Structures are given as C-alpha cells and as structure tokens.
Amino acid sequence: MSTEVNVPLRDVVGNRELALHVVPETLRPGALDAPVRWAHVSELQDPAPYLLGGELILTAGVNLPARLDRYVRGLRDAGVTALGFGLTPTVSETLPEPLRRACARYGLPLLVVPARTPFLAINRAVSVALTEAGQREQRRITAARETLTRAAGGGLGELTSSLAAQLRSWVALVGAGDVLASAHDAPAPLPPQVRELVATVRAGSGIRSATTEVDGGFVVVQPVYPQATASHLVVVGRPRRFDGAERAILAVGAALLGLVGRAGSDAAELGAAATGLLLGRTSPAAVARSLLGSEVVRLVAGAAHRRGPDEVAQRPDWLRARLDTPLVSVLPGPAFVAVAGDVSRPVLEDLREHGWLAAVGSPVPASRAASAGAEVELLLARARALGRPVVAETGAPDFDALLPPDASRSFADKTLAPLVSLDEAGDRALVLTLRTWLAHHGAWEPTAVELGVHRNSVRHRIAQVEKALAVDLADPEVRMQLWFALRWVAPSP
C-alpha cells in the first residue's frame, strides 16, 4: 500500500553538509515541522501555477520580479514549504533585504544557500531523505500489519485495542444506530460533531473516509472492508493529525475489523436464528429481518460457467462476501444456492467473471422462500441457455399471482406427475431434460452439451416426455403450459 512520503523541513535544515542558514524572522511556530515533498529549482517570476504544494523552491535570484511581495505571497498560497536563496558571485553575493522582509511578512521560511553548496546537492539530499523515509514507513506499515493480523485471532476486542495502540489513538467500531460494537478509550457517547461525520460518511457511496477537528484533536471515519457500503464504520481520534503511514495502518485495521466483525456477528446471528427456528419461537420473517434486514427475500442459484470457479470462489465465505448474505450453501457440481435481500447486476457480472453463472428469483416473503425454488431453477436454466445472468424483474407481470399457490402447485404436480414417476423409477432425468430443452428453445445440440449426453439421447428423452404426457411439444401452447408447470412444481431435492 503506497503512502505519500515527505520529510520535515528541520531534517533538511539540519543536514550539516548543506550548511543552510535559516533566516529566523521568517519562521513561524511549527514551520520547521512542515513537510517537504521535493526540492525544485525555479527562476520563473511566477512559478506558483506549476507547483503542487510542499516544495522547497530554490532560486539564485536570476529573474526575481520587482514586486517581491506578490512573488512571495504567491509561493505561500501555492503551499510552498520554504524558499531557498542561493548566494552566487555573479548574481547576488548577499541576501536581498526586500526578499527577507517579504518572507517575514508572509511567514514563508527563507533559507540562505552558501555559494559552496550547489542546488544539485540539495536535490540529492532531499531525494535520499525521502527514500529513507519511505522505507521506514513501509517497515512500519508491515510491522503493524503483522501485529494487527495476530490480534485478529483474539477477536474483535483484542483487534480494536491493538489498532488503538498502533495509532496511539482511541478507536470505536460503530454499527447501525451508532451503537458501539467495539471500542478502546472512545468517548461515550460520541461527540455530536463525530456523529454528524458518521452520518455524512453513511450518506456517501464507494470506499471513502472523512476527517474533522474536535476539541483541538483530529477524528477520522471510514467504513470497514470488504464492503465499502458496510453498516459498520471505524472511528479513530487523537490530538495530532494522522500521517500517510498511519492512514495505511488504519486501512489495514478497517479491513480486519470488517472481516472479524462480520464473521463473529454472522455466527452469533445464525446460531440465534437456528435456535429460534428449532424451538418454534422465531418465524422465517423474523429470521430474514434479523440476518438480511428485510422480510422479503430473493432466492439466488448459481452453477459453474465456462472454466468454472476456482478453489477460492467456491468457498462459502467468498460467496457470502460477494452476495452480502450469510445464507449461502455450496452444492456439488459445483453449484450454490443463497437467500439474499437483493443482488445487483454488477455483482452477478463479478460472479460470472469468477466462474459462476447465477440467477435471481422474484422477491417473495421469507415464509415462501422454499416455494421459490422451482422458479429459480427455471431461471438458472435460462441463464445457462443464454450464457448470462438472469434476474426475475420486479416490474414484470406477476404470473404467480394469477392463481392461488395451492392451485398452481396442484396444476404443476398433476401435469408433471407422469415424468416424476418415470424419473423415480429409473435414471431418466426427464424433468431436467424437459426444463433444459425448453430453456434452449427446443435446440438439440445446446441441450445435449449442457446435459453432457449425446443429442440422440435428448431426442429419445423428449420423445418419452411426449409419450408420457400425451402431448405434442411442437405446439407452443403446450410448451407454455409445461414451462409454467416447471415453474410451480416443488423444487427437486
């Protein structure tokens, strides 16, 4: 993780080999602690438009403008850390008094560079100091990462305390409703300014952070990872600002807090939900509300696509993180089924990139999640036929509402009963073959490829379907009726 590296001005001034002299009246409190990000030679009359801030500007006064006040004020406003004036026999053997007075007036530190010190030596010294500072910061970040990773094994409390020690700050992990999920030396309740900052971060989007000053100190708020939109935020505060390395350490801590906190809360909530269901004290709606934040859920089914998911993408924790739900089951095949609050198109495309082709069913009350299995199986068949994710659109007509659930299930069971009986009597896979064949619009070759059989086997099975059901599958109305029957039939085990 890269951070912006700088060195304090006092380190440059303190380099005895450079023999720089600081004009004392140009220094204001804290000036020697100001960051130097680079040393740059410029003889422009107005270099300010070309600067980024934090520079040590070096000039021999070859082209100093007549209006030095404007020149110095422009450098200060551009964020220049200091101005180095080089004494040269051919241009200026002494420091110009107007320049001294202007730097003192605007509080821009002025360094006198003796004739024996070339600007190149200052450039090289600053470059070396920046390299060494960067190496020190990387070692510091690496050591902190190792310490925090070890602390994560001890749970949320130990990790929070370890992060506070690394940053020499107080730390709070703030959940929904501004409830403290974990804290170390954090003020309770959080000050109003901090709560306002938390609300601001929650209202944003993407991976973000925000900083504010509170009672002379500094507070940083950012979401935990891996979800940038996670409900939990990590808040840290202390009297002095956080430098680049410390922000990198905070990012590591936020990632670990998100992972450890999610794992712990998932386990506790899942355990409580399972216990409640076993004892008959909790309804499916209450479980969905507790785990997903909504009593309306969507069933998600996935199957291997192209090269298939690798070992990591087949892990339940990987799928849980991508789908933002703890309710995930990985099945042989490989395949998976999940219950989620909602799943966005970008998430489905991300799954496809990692070898999963997924389908998302219609929103249903949690109490009807089991009956949604047939629909999502059909949608997954369509997804495999199309080679892309399929989502039951919420704005489409609700065909399921045309018939009472008992009537639609009765129709499906009665219509497909002959095929189910034949499948149970022998390994014919007629229901699966019919579903796949209809999803491929009656195409023999794609159906055979997906089922892993010869196309003549598909023709034979479809002929068995027509004979068992006494129908003509060339009739589009028959195909429509069978498609709805497959949609409403009880999910296959």
Foldseek 3Di string as FASTA:
>chain_A
DDFQFWAFQLVLVVPVVQVKDWDVLLADPPLRRQTARAEEEDPDCACLVVDQARHAYEYQNPRHDPPLLVRLVSCVVSHYSAYEHEADPVRHNDDDPVNVVSSSVNSHIYMYGYNVRDSVNSRVVRVVVRVVRRVVLVVLLVVLLVQLVVQLVVFLASSQVSLCVSQVWKKFKAAPPRDTPYIDPADPPHDPVVVVLVVVQLPDDDWDKDWDDDPQKIKIKTAADDDRNHRIIMMIMDNDDDHGSSVSSVNSSSPSSVVRVVVVVLVVLVVVVVVCVVVVNDDLQRSCCSFAVGQWKKKKKKAFADVGADPVLQDLVNVCRLQVGNAKDFPPNTMIMGIHRDHDQVSQVVNVVRGIAMEIEEIDGSNCVQQQQLQRVLQNLLCLLVVHYYYDDHPDDDPCVVDDLVVLQVLLCVQCVLVVVVVVVDVLCLLVLLSNCVSNVNDQPSSCVVVVHDSVSSVVSVVVVCVSNVHDVVDVVVSVSNSSSSSRYRHDD
